[in-house]
Every structure is written in C-alpha cells, then in structure tokens.
Amino acid sequence: MEAVVAVFALLFVLFLVLGAYATVKVIGAAKRGVDRTIDQARRTVEDHTLRAKTYVPGPASEVAQLRLKLRTSMRATQDALHAGAQEDESLKESLALFRRLSAHGHELDAELKRLESDPDRATLAERLPDLRARTDRVTQSADSLRWAARDRARRFADDDLDTLSAQIGVEADALRHWTKAQPAEAPPPWPEAPVPDSGSAQQTWPETPRSRAAEEPTRSAITPPGQRPSYPWQKKPRPESTT
C-alpha cells in the first residue's frame, strides 16, 4: 500500500514539474512576443517621428534624414540575412560581419540622435559632411551584404528551376512517347559492280552464225574440177558426130 502511495506521489510531483515547465515556457514565449510587439511599435513611432522631422527646415532635418536612411538600410539587411541564414549555412559568416557593422551603426545612430536635439545649429551644420560620409559608408556596406545575399538566393532558385524544368521536360516527353517520329530506316545499299579482269576489259558479244560467216574468207560457190588422170584400159573418147 505504501508503494502505491509513493508511486502516486511521484507521479503527482512529476506532473507538477512538467506543468510548471510548460507554464514557464508559455510565459517566456508570450513575454518575447510582447517585447517584439513593443519594439516594433517603438520603431514605428520613431520612424514616423523622423519622417516628420525631415520636413522641418534646418540642420536637424538633415540629421533626421541620415538617421532614417541608416535605420532603414540596417533593418532591411538584418532581416534579409536572418531569413537567408536559415536555408544557407554560408551566410553565417555574413551575419558575423553584419554584427560588427551593426556596432558602428548603433554608435552612429546614437551620435545622430544626440546631435538632433543640439541647440548649436552652426556647429551641427559644420559636422554634417562628416556625418553624411560616415552614414554613406555604413549604409553602402549594409546594402552590399543585403544584395549579395539576395543574389545568392536568386541564383540558387534559378539553378533549381532550371534543373526542375529539364526534369519536367524529360518526363513530359516520356509521357507523350507516341508523338515522337520514328527514324526512317535507311534502304540497303546496292551490290558493288564486279571488277573486270585486265584481259577481258573490252566488252565482248556472243558469236552468231552471221557474224562467224562474215569473218570467214569469201570462197566460190562451185569448186572447178581438176584434171582427171587417164588409165590404159580406158577408151579414148570418141568425138561427137555432127550428124
């Protein structure tokens, strides 16, 4: 009985621990969500305030423009690198470089914020060229990282699309195999003519009786009789009488 009570007590404690852990996680997630919402709202208010200050003539307007340009570029680069690093591990080094650049960006933004409310407008106007040059260097570096990351992602997407298109083309041809024209078979070659011998290179015709007769020498139709020999027992021919 005591063992059963101990098991139930252990299970109860375990459930309490798990419940507390889940509660802490939920509260932490909710707190982070609230912090992100507050930060986003604060950035939105600051951006609108800076845009409003850009319409006020004077050095403070130019400082507000520099701050707005710096914040917009750094925020866009940060979002692009964080989104690309989840799919491309090689962007982690770019993120490390951006963190170092962000340190200079935050320092410059803090300096611009202090100068924005400075009452000495003459000194502020003298320092504007240097502030403008520093802002351009930071924003150009941030833009370079951002566009490089976007070009890399687009290149990978184009390569994947080319491979996918080639595979789809092969599959489509395989599905429509009956539309392919079958290659016509070449007719068999004619037999080669026999090579004539050197002795019978001249063309000959079969002999006919007429041609054989034409080739034989011409001879008379009746052979003239030769002189007959005479013998003693033969009678001499008697001349014929005229009567």
C-alpha atoms as a PDB file:
ATOM      1  CA  MET A   1       0.000   0.000   0.000  1.00  0.00           C
ATOM      2  CA  GLU A   2       2.827   2.367   0.865  1.00  0.00           C
ATOM      3  CA  ALA A   3       4.491   1.620  -2.511  1.00  0.00           C
ATOM      4  CA  VAL A   4       1.297   2.569  -4.373  1.00  0.00           C
ATOM      5  CA  VAL A   5       1.048   5.827  -2.421  1.00  0.00           C
ATOM      6  CA  ALA A   6       4.707   6.578  -3.197  1.00  0.00           C
ATOM      7  CA  VAL A   7       4.162   5.936  -6.907  1.00  0.00           C
ATOM      8  CA  PHE A   8       1.130   8.236  -6.991  1.00  0.00           C
ATOM      9  CA  ALA A   9       3.018  10.918  -5.070  1.00  0.00           C
ATOM     10  CA  LEU A  10       5.924  10.659  -7.513  1.00  0.00           C
ATOM     11  CA  LEU A  11       3.573  10.944 -10.483  1.00  0.00           C
ATOM     12  CA  PHE A  12       1.877  13.958  -8.891  1.00  0.00           C
ATOM     13  CA  VAL A  13       5.214  15.699  -8.361  1.00  0.00           C
ATOM     14  CA  LEU A  14       6.243  14.864 -11.926  1.00  0.00           C
ATOM     15  CA  PHE A  15       3.048  16.355 -13.299  1.00  0.00           C
ATOM     16  CA  LEU A  16       3.593  19.472 -11.205  1.00  0.00           C
ATOM     17  CA  VAL A  17       7.136  19.860 -12.549  1.00  0.00           C
ATOM     18  CA  LEU A  18       6.020  19.367 -16.151  1.00  0.00           C
ATOM     19  CA  GLY A  19       3.178  21.827 -15.665  1.00  0.00           C
ATOM     20  CA  ALA A  20       5.499  24.411 -14.171  1.00  0.00           C
ATOM     21  CA  TYR A  21       7.995  23.943 -17.001  1.00  0.00           C
ATOM     22  CA  ALA A  22       5.257  24.308 -19.633  1.00  0.00           C
ATOM     23  CA  THR A  23       3.931  27.384 -17.852  1.00  0.00           C
ATOM     24  CA  VAL A  24       7.375  28.996 -17.784  1.00  0.00           C
ATOM     25  CA  LYS A  25       7.875  28.260 -21.496  1.00  0.00           C
ATOM     26  CA  VAL A  26       4.495  29.706 -22.392  1.00  0.00           C
ATOM     27  CA  ILE A  27       5.101  32.800 -20.261  1.00  0.00           C
ATOM     28  CA  GLY A  28       8.553  33.240 -21.797  1.00  0.00           C
ATOM     29  CA  ALA A  29       7.179  32.916 -25.322  1.00  0.00           C
ATOM     30  CA  ALA A  30       4.414  35.353 -24.526  1.00  0.00           C
ATOM     31  CA  LYS A  31       6.907  37.784 -22.987  1.00  0.00           C
ATOM     32  CA  ARG A  32       9.131  37.578 -26.053  1.00  0.00           C
ATOM     33  CA  GLY A  33       6.113  38.146 -28.263  1.00  0.00           C
ATOM     34  CA  VAL A  34       5.112  41.166 -26.222  1.00  0.00           C
ATOM     35  CA  ASP A  35       8.676  42.504 -26.310  1.00  0.00           C
ATOM     36  CA  ARG A  36       8.811  42.103 -30.080  1.00  0.00           C
ATOM     37  CA  THR A  37       5.493  43.871 -30.402  1.00  0.00           C
ATOM     38  CA  ILE A  38       6.654  46.709 -28.155  1.00  0.00           C
ATOM     39  CA  ASP A  39       9.946  47.040 -30.022  1.00  0.00           C
ATOM     40  CA  GLN A  40       8.174  47.061 -33.352  1.00  0.00           C
ATOM     41  CA  ALA A  41       5.712  49.676 -32.127  1.00  0.00           C
ATOM     42  CA  ARG A  42       8.540  51.805 -30.750  1.00  0.00           C
ATOM     43  CA  ARG A  43      10.475  51.577 -34.025  1.00  0.00           C
ATOM     44  CA  THR A  44       7.356  52.502 -35.951  1.00  0.00           C
ATOM     45  CA  VAL A  45       6.805  55.563 -33.750  1.00  0.00           C
ATOM     46  CA  GLU A  46      10.450  56.606 -34.104  1.00  0.00           C
ATOM     47  CA  ASP A  47      10.353  56.194 -37.876  1.00  0.00           C
ATOM     48  CA  HIS A  48       7.228  58.318 -38.149  1.00  0.00           C
ATOM     49  CA  THR A  49       8.800  60.932 -35.863  1.00  0.00           C
ATOM     50  CA  LEU A  50      11.927  61.045 -38.005  1.00  0.00           C
ATOM     51  CA  ARG A  51       9.866  61.378 -41.185  1.00  0.00           C
ATOM     52  CA  ALA A  52       8.019  64.251 -39.603  1.00  0.00           C
ATOM     53  CA  LYS A  53      11.291  65.973 -38.663  1.00  0.00           C
ATOM     54  CA  THR A  54      12.578  65.726 -42.221  1.00  0.00           C
ATOM     55  CA  TYR A  55      10.011  68.333 -43.247  1.00  0.00           C
ATOM     56  CA  VAL A  56      11.398  70.883 -40.747  1.00  0.00           C
ATOM     57  CA  PRO A  57      13.995  73.130 -42.423  1.00  0.00           C
ATOM     58  CA  GLY A  58      17.471  73.331 -40.956  1.00  0.00           C
ATOM     59  CA  PRO A  59      20.342  71.014 -39.941  1.00  0.00           C
ATOM     60  CA  ALA A  60      18.075  68.950 -37.703  1.00  0.00           C
ATOM     61  CA  SER A  61      16.095  67.908 -40.778  1.00  0.00           C
ATOM     62  CA  GLU A  62      19.240  66.585 -42.465  1.00  0.00           C
ATOM     63  CA  VAL A  63      20.204  64.694 -39.300  1.00  0.00           C
ATOM     64  CA  ALA A  64      16.758  63.116 -39.214  1.00  0.00           C
ATOM     65  CA  GLN A  65      17.150  62.079 -42.859  1.00  0.00           C
ATOM     66  CA  LEU A  66      20.522  60.462 -42.077  1.00  0.00           C
ATOM     67  CA  ARG A  67      19.051  58.547 -39.136  1.00  0.00           C
ATOM     68  CA  LEU A  68      16.107  57.362 -41.202  1.00  0.00           C
ATOM     69  CA  LYS A  69      18.385  56.251 -44.032  1.00  0.00           C
ATOM     70  CA  LEU A  70      20.706  54.416 -41.626  1.00  0.00           C
ATOM     71  CA  ARG A  71      17.929  52.623 -39.734  1.00  0.00           C
ATOM     72  CA  THR A  72      16.094  51.562 -42.885  1.00  0.00           C
ATOM     73  CA  SER A  73      19.208  50.087 -44.506  1.00  0.00           C
ATOM     74  CA  MET A  74      20.420  48.253 -41.385  1.00  0.00           C
ATOM     75  CA  ARG A  75      16.976  46.823 -40.609  1.00  0.00           C
ATOM     76  CA  ALA A  76      16.467  45.557 -44.179  1.00  0.00           C
ATOM     77  CA  THR A  77      19.911  43.931 -44.237  1.00  0.00           C
ATOM     78  CA  GLN A  78      19.351  42.289 -40.860  1.00  0.00           C
ATOM     79  CA  ASP A  79      16.026  40.789 -41.964  1.00  0.00           C
ATOM     80  CA  ALA A  80      17.477  39.532 -45.263  1.00  0.00           C
ATOM     81  CA  LEU A  81      20.500  37.867 -43.628  1.00  0.00           C
ATOM     82  CA  HIS A  82      18.488  36.235 -40.856  1.00  0.00           C
ATOM     83  CA  ALA A  83      15.958  34.878 -43.354  1.00  0.00           C
ATOM     84  CA  GLY A  84      18.675  33.553 -45.680  1.00  0.00           C
ATOM     85  CA  ALA A  85      20.812  32.016 -42.925  1.00  0.00           C
ATOM     86  CA  GLN A  86      18.033  29.561 -42.093  1.00  0.00           C
ATOM     87  CA  GLU A  87      18.433  27.925 -45.516  1.00  0.00           C
ATOM     88  CA  ASP A  88      22.040  28.763 -46.422  1.00  0.00           C
ATOM     89  CA  GLU A  89      24.759  27.966 -43.878  1.00  0.00           C
ATOM     90  CA  SER A  90      27.321  30.071 -45.723  1.00  0.00           C
ATOM     91  CA  LEU A  91      25.526  33.265 -44.660  1.00  0.00           C
ATOM     92  CA  LYS A  92      26.606  32.774 -41.050  1.00  0.00           C
ATOM     93  CA  GLU A  93      29.899  34.468 -41.838  1.00  0.00           C
ATOM     94  CA  SER A  94      27.960  37.335 -43.415  1.00  0.00           C
ATOM     95  CA  LEU A  95      25.922  37.590 -40.222  1.00  0.00           C
ATOM     96  CA  ALA A  96      29.116  37.859 -38.189  1.00  0.00           C
ATOM     97  CA  LEU A  97      30.301  40.699 -40.418  1.00  0.00           C
ATOM     98  CA  PHE A  98      26.938  42.397 -40.113  1.00  0.00           C
ATOM     99  CA  ARG A  99      27.093  42.246 -36.309  1.00  0.00           C
ATOM    100  CA  ARG A 100      30.406  44.111 -36.438  1.00  0.00           C
ATOM    101  CA  LEU A 101      28.877  46.619 -38.840  1.00  0.00           C
ATOM    102  CA  SER A 102      25.850  46.971 -36.568  1.00  0.00           C
ATOM    103  CA  ALA A 103      28.092  48.097 -33.733  1.00  0.00           C
ATOM    104  CA  HIS A 104      29.271  51.018 -35.873  1.00  0.00           C
ATOM    105  CA  GLY A 105      25.713  51.664 -36.996  1.00  0.00           C
ATOM    106  CA  HIS A 106      24.333  51.830 -33.460  1.00  0.00           C
ATOM    107  CA  GLU A 107      27.166  54.126 -32.427  1.00  0.00           C
ATOM    108  CA  LEU A 108      26.480  56.431 -35.365  1.00  0.00           C
ATOM    109  CA  ASP A 109      22.724  56.411 -34.735  1.00  0.00           C
ATOM    110  CA  ALA A 110      23.258  57.324 -31.084  1.00  0.00           C
ATOM    111  CA  GLU A 111      25.519  60.197 -32.097  1.00  0.00           C
ATOM    112  CA  LEU A 112      22.989  61.445 -34.632  1.00  0.00           C
ATOM    113  CA  LYS A 113      20.246  61.227 -32.038  1.00  0.00           C
ATOM    114  CA  ARG A 114      22.253  63.391 -29.616  1.00  0.00           C
ATOM    115  CA  LEU A 115      23.045  65.947 -32.315  1.00  0.00           C
ATOM    116  CA  GLU A 116      19.439  66.034 -33.401  1.00  0.00           C
ATOM    117  CA  SER A 117      18.438  67.964 -30.257  1.00  0.00           C
ATOM    118  CA  ASP A 118      21.639  70.043 -30.014  1.00  0.00           C
ATOM    119  CA  PRO A 119      20.861  73.753 -29.828  1.00  0.00           C
ATOM    120  CA  ASP A 120      24.137  74.759 -31.544  1.00  0.00           C
ATOM    121  CA  ARG A 121      22.958  74.699 -35.125  1.00  0.00           C
ATOM    122  CA  ALA A 122      26.132  76.255 -36.524  1.00  0.00           C
ATOM    123  CA  THR A 123      28.384  73.511 -35.155  1.00  0.00           C
ATOM    124  CA  LEU A 124      25.868  70.918 -36.312  1.00  0.00           C
ATOM    125  CA  ALA A 125      25.963  72.315 -39.835  1.00  0.00           C
ATOM    126  CA  GLU A 126      29.780  72.103 -39.823  1.00  0.00           C
ATOM    127  CA  ARG A 127      29.718  68.451 -38.791  1.00  0.00           C
ATOM    128  CA  LEU A 128      27.085  67.406 -41.298  1.00  0.00           C
ATOM    129  CA  PRO A 129      29.515  66.497 -44.152  1.00  0.00           C
ATOM    130  CA  ASP A 130      31.435  64.114 -41.894  1.00  0.00           C
ATOM    131  CA  LEU A 131      28.222  62.591 -40.545  1.00  0.00           C
ATOM    132  CA  ARG A 132      26.882  62.203 -44.064  1.00  0.00           C
ATOM    133  CA  ALA A 133      30.077  60.443 -45.217  1.00  0.00           C
ATOM    134  CA  ARG A 134      30.029  58.042 -42.242  1.00  0.00           C
ATOM    135  CA  THR A 135      26.369  57.242 -42.844  1.00  0.00           C
ATOM    136  CA  ASP A 136      27.027  56.545 -46.518  1.00  0.00           C
ATOM    137  CA  ARG A 137      29.887  54.152 -45.678  1.00  0.00           C
ATOM    138  CA  VAL A 138      27.763  52.174 -43.226  1.00  0.00           C
ATOM    139  CA  THR A 139      24.700  52.033 -45.467  1.00  0.00           C
ATOM    140  CA  GLN A 140      26.730  51.100 -48.547  1.00  0.00           C
ATOM    141  CA  SER A 141      28.316  48.187 -46.675  1.00  0.00           C
ATOM    142  CA  ALA A 142      24.928  47.062 -45.403  1.00  0.00           C
ATOM    143  CA  ASP A 143      23.377  47.324 -48.864  1.00  0.00           C
ATOM    144  CA  SER A 144      26.243  45.341 -50.353  1.00  0.00           C
ATOM    145  CA  LEU A 145      25.705  42.483 -47.892  1.00  0.00           C
ATOM    146  CA  ARG A 146      21.954  42.536 -48.436  1.00  0.00           C
ATOM    147  CA  TRP A 147      22.067  42.471 -52.227  1.00  0.00           C
ATOM    148  CA  ALA A 148      24.776  39.804 -52.236  1.00  0.00           C
ATOM    149  CA  ALA A 149      22.588  37.578 -50.069  1.00  0.00           C
ATOM    150  CA  ARG A 150      19.584  38.188 -52.318  1.00  0.00           C
ATOM    151  CA  ASP A 151      21.578  37.491 -55.481  1.00  0.00           C
ATOM    152  CA  ARG A 152      22.863  34.261 -53.960  1.00  0.00           C
ATOM    153  CA  ALA A 153      19.346  33.141 -53.043  1.00  0.00           C
ATOM    154  CA  ARG A 154      18.064  34.038 -56.512  1.00  0.00           C
ATOM    155  CA  ARG A 155      20.921  32.161 -58.169  1.00  0.00           C
ATOM    156  CA  PHE A 156      20.110  29.025 -56.192  1.00  0.00           C
ATOM    157  CA  ALA A 157      16.445  29.430 -57.088  1.00  0.00           C
ATOM    158  CA  ASP A 158      17.304  29.814 -60.798  1.00  0.00           C
ATOM    159  CA  ASP A 159      19.543  26.737 -60.759  1.00  0.00           C
ATOM    160  CA  ASP A 160      16.853  24.699 -59.037  1.00  0.00           C
ATOM    161  CA  LEU A 161      14.268  25.950 -61.526  1.00  0.00           C
ATOM    162  CA  ASP A 162      16.494  25.025 -64.491  1.00  0.00           C
ATOM    163  CA  THR A 163      17.008  21.521 -63.126  1.00  0.00           C
ATOM    164  CA  LEU A 164      13.306  21.152 -62.402  1.00  0.00           C
ATOM    165  CA  SER A 165      12.363  22.376 -65.888  1.00  0.00           C
ATOM    166  CA  ALA A 166      14.742  19.878 -67.505  1.00  0.00           C
ATOM    167  CA  GLN A 167      13.324  17.011 -65.455  1.00  0.00           C
ATOM    168  CA  ILE A 168       9.767  18.041 -66.287  1.00  0.00           C
ATOM    169  CA  GLY A 169      10.672  18.209 -69.981  1.00  0.00           C
ATOM    170  CA  VAL A 170      12.080  14.684 -69.897  1.00  0.00           C
ATOM    171  CA  GLU A 171       9.012  13.414 -68.056  1.00  0.00           C
ATOM    172  CA  ALA A 172       6.657  15.155 -70.496  1.00  0.00           C
ATOM    173  CA  ASP A 173       8.475  13.596 -73.468  1.00  0.00           C
ATOM    174  CA  ALA A 174       8.243  10.201 -71.815  1.00  0.00           C
ATOM    175  CA  LEU A 175       4.501  10.610 -71.249  1.00  0.00           C
ATOM    176  CA  ARG A 176       3.976  11.624 -74.905  1.00  0.00           C
ATOM    177  CA  HIS A 177       6.210   8.978 -76.364  1.00  0.00           C
ATOM    178  CA  TRP A 178       3.779   8.226 -79.218  1.00  0.00           C
ATOM    179  CA  THR A 179       4.251  11.699 -80.679  1.00  0.00           C
ATOM    180  CA  LYS A 180       7.896  11.120 -81.400  1.00  0.00           C
ATOM    181  CA  ALA A 181       8.641  10.487 -85.083  1.00  0.00           C
ATOM    182  CA  GLN A 182      10.308   7.155 -85.537  1.00  0.00           C
ATOM    183  CA  PRO A 183      13.562   7.453 -87.501  1.00  0.00           C
ATOM    184  CA  ALA A 184      13.217   6.045 -91.037  1.00  0.00           C
ATOM    185  CA  GLU A 185      15.392   3.051 -91.712  1.00  0.00           C
ATOM    186  CA  ALA A 186      17.980   3.557 -94.421  1.00  0.00           C
ATOM    187  CA  PRO A 187      17.470   1.366 -97.535  1.00  0.00           C
ATOM    188  CA  PRO A 188      20.004  -1.408 -98.060  1.00  0.00           C
ATOM    189  CA  PRO A 189      22.952  -0.452-100.278  1.00  0.00           C
ATOM    190  CA  TRP A 190      23.223  -1.702-103.844  1.00  0.00           C
ATOM    191  CA  PRO A 191      25.722  -4.501-104.502  1.00  0.00           C
ATOM    192  CA  GLU A 192      29.008  -3.386-105.886  1.00  0.00           C
ATOM    193  CA  ALA A 193      29.716  -3.990-109.571  1.00  0.00           C
ATOM    194  CA  PRO A 194      32.212  -6.820-110.265  1.00  0.00           C
ATOM    195  CA  VAL A 195      35.677  -5.647-111.156  1.00  0.00           C
ATOM    196  CA  PRO A 196      36.528  -6.844-114.739  1.00  0.00           C
ATOM    197  CA  ASP A 197      39.769  -8.734-115.380  1.00  0.00           C
ATOM    198  CA  SER A 198      42.601  -6.972-117.178  1.00  0.00           C
ATOM    199  CA  GLY A 199      42.458  -9.405-120.134  1.00  0.00           C
ATOM    200  CA  SER A 200      38.732  -9.039-120.658  1.00  0.00           C
ATOM    201  CA  ALA A 201      38.388  -5.353-120.047  1.00  0.00           C
ATOM    202  CA  GLN A 202      36.961  -4.916-123.583  1.00  0.00           C
ATOM    203  CA  GLN A 203      33.287  -5.704-123.911  1.00  0.00           C
ATOM    204  CA  THR A 204      32.528  -8.845-125.949  1.00  0.00           C
ATOM    205  CA  TRP A 205      29.329 -10.033-127.545  1.00  0.00           C
ATOM    206  CA  PRO A 206      28.237 -13.627-128.102  1.00  0.00           C
ATOM    207  CA  GLU A 207      29.027 -15.000-131.553  1.00  0.00           C
ATOM    208  CA  THR A 208      26.223 -15.588-134.047  1.00  0.00           C
ATOM    209  CA  PRO A 209      26.270 -17.620-137.296  1.00  0.00           C
ATOM    210  CA  ARG A 210      26.031 -14.444-139.323  1.00  0.00           C
ATOM    211  CA  SER A 211      28.958 -12.868-137.670  1.00  0.00           C
ATOM    212  CA  ARG A 212      31.006 -16.047-138.000  1.00  0.00           C
ATOM    213  CA  ALA A 213      30.224 -16.166-141.740  1.00  0.00           C
ATOM    214  CA  ALA A 214      31.214 -12.569-142.106  1.00  0.00           C
ATOM    215  CA  GLU A 215      34.565 -13.255-140.539  1.00  0.00           C
ATOM    216  CA  GLU A 216      35.391 -16.282-142.753  1.00  0.00           C
ATOM    217  CA  PRO A 217      37.144 -15.505-146.135  1.00  0.00           C
ATOM    218  CA  THR A 218      34.904 -15.379-149.195  1.00  0.00           C
ATOM    219  CA  ARG A 219      35.069 -18.535-151.357  1.00  0.00           C
ATOM    220  CA  SER A 220      33.373 -19.593-154.601  1.00  0.00           C
ATOM    221  CA  ALA A 221      30.146 -21.489-154.567  1.00  0.00           C
ATOM    222  CA  ILE A 222      31.375 -24.281-157.100  1.00  0.00           C
ATOM    223  CA  THR A 223      34.869 -25.648-156.956  1.00  0.00           C
ATOM    224  CA  PRO A 224      36.299 -26.079-160.500  1.00  0.00           C
ATOM    225  CA  PRO A 225      37.182 -29.702-161.283  1.00  0.00           C
ATOM    226  CA  GLY A 226      40.772 -30.595-161.636  1.00  0.00           C
ATOM    227  CA  GLN A 227      42.303 -32.707-164.468  1.00  0.00           C
ATOM    228  CA  ARG A 228      41.412 -36.367-164.164  1.00  0.00           C
ATOM    229  CA  PRO A 229      44.142 -38.982-164.547  1.00  0.00           C
ATOM    230  CA  SER A 230      43.928 -41.354-167.577  1.00  0.00           C
ATOM    231  CA  TYR A 231      44.388 -45.070-167.432  1.00  0.00           C
ATOM    232  CA  PRO A 232      45.362 -47.545-170.285  1.00  0.00           C
ATOM    233  CA  TRP A 233      42.200 -49.579-170.057  1.00  0.00           C
ATOM    234  CA  GLN A 234      40.013 -46.640-170.560  1.00  0.00           C
ATOM    235  CA  LYS A 235      38.716 -45.954-174.054  1.00  0.00           C
ATOM    236  CA  LYS A 236      39.573 -42.784-175.720  1.00  0.00           C
ATOM    237  CA  PRO A 237      36.626 -40.555-176.053  1.00  0.00           C
ATOM    238  CA  ARG A 238      35.103 -40.521-179.381  1.00  0.00           C
ATOM    239  CA  PRO A 239      34.374 -37.198-180.879  1.00  0.00           C
ATOM    240  CA  GLU A 240      30.802 -36.475-181.346  1.00  0.00           C
ATOM    241  CA  SER A 241      29.482 -36.544-184.833  1.00  0.00           C
ATOM    242  CA  THR A 242      27.995 -33.570-186.335  1.00  0.00           C
ATOM    243  CA  THR A 243      25.260 -35.654-187.884  1.00  0.00           C
END
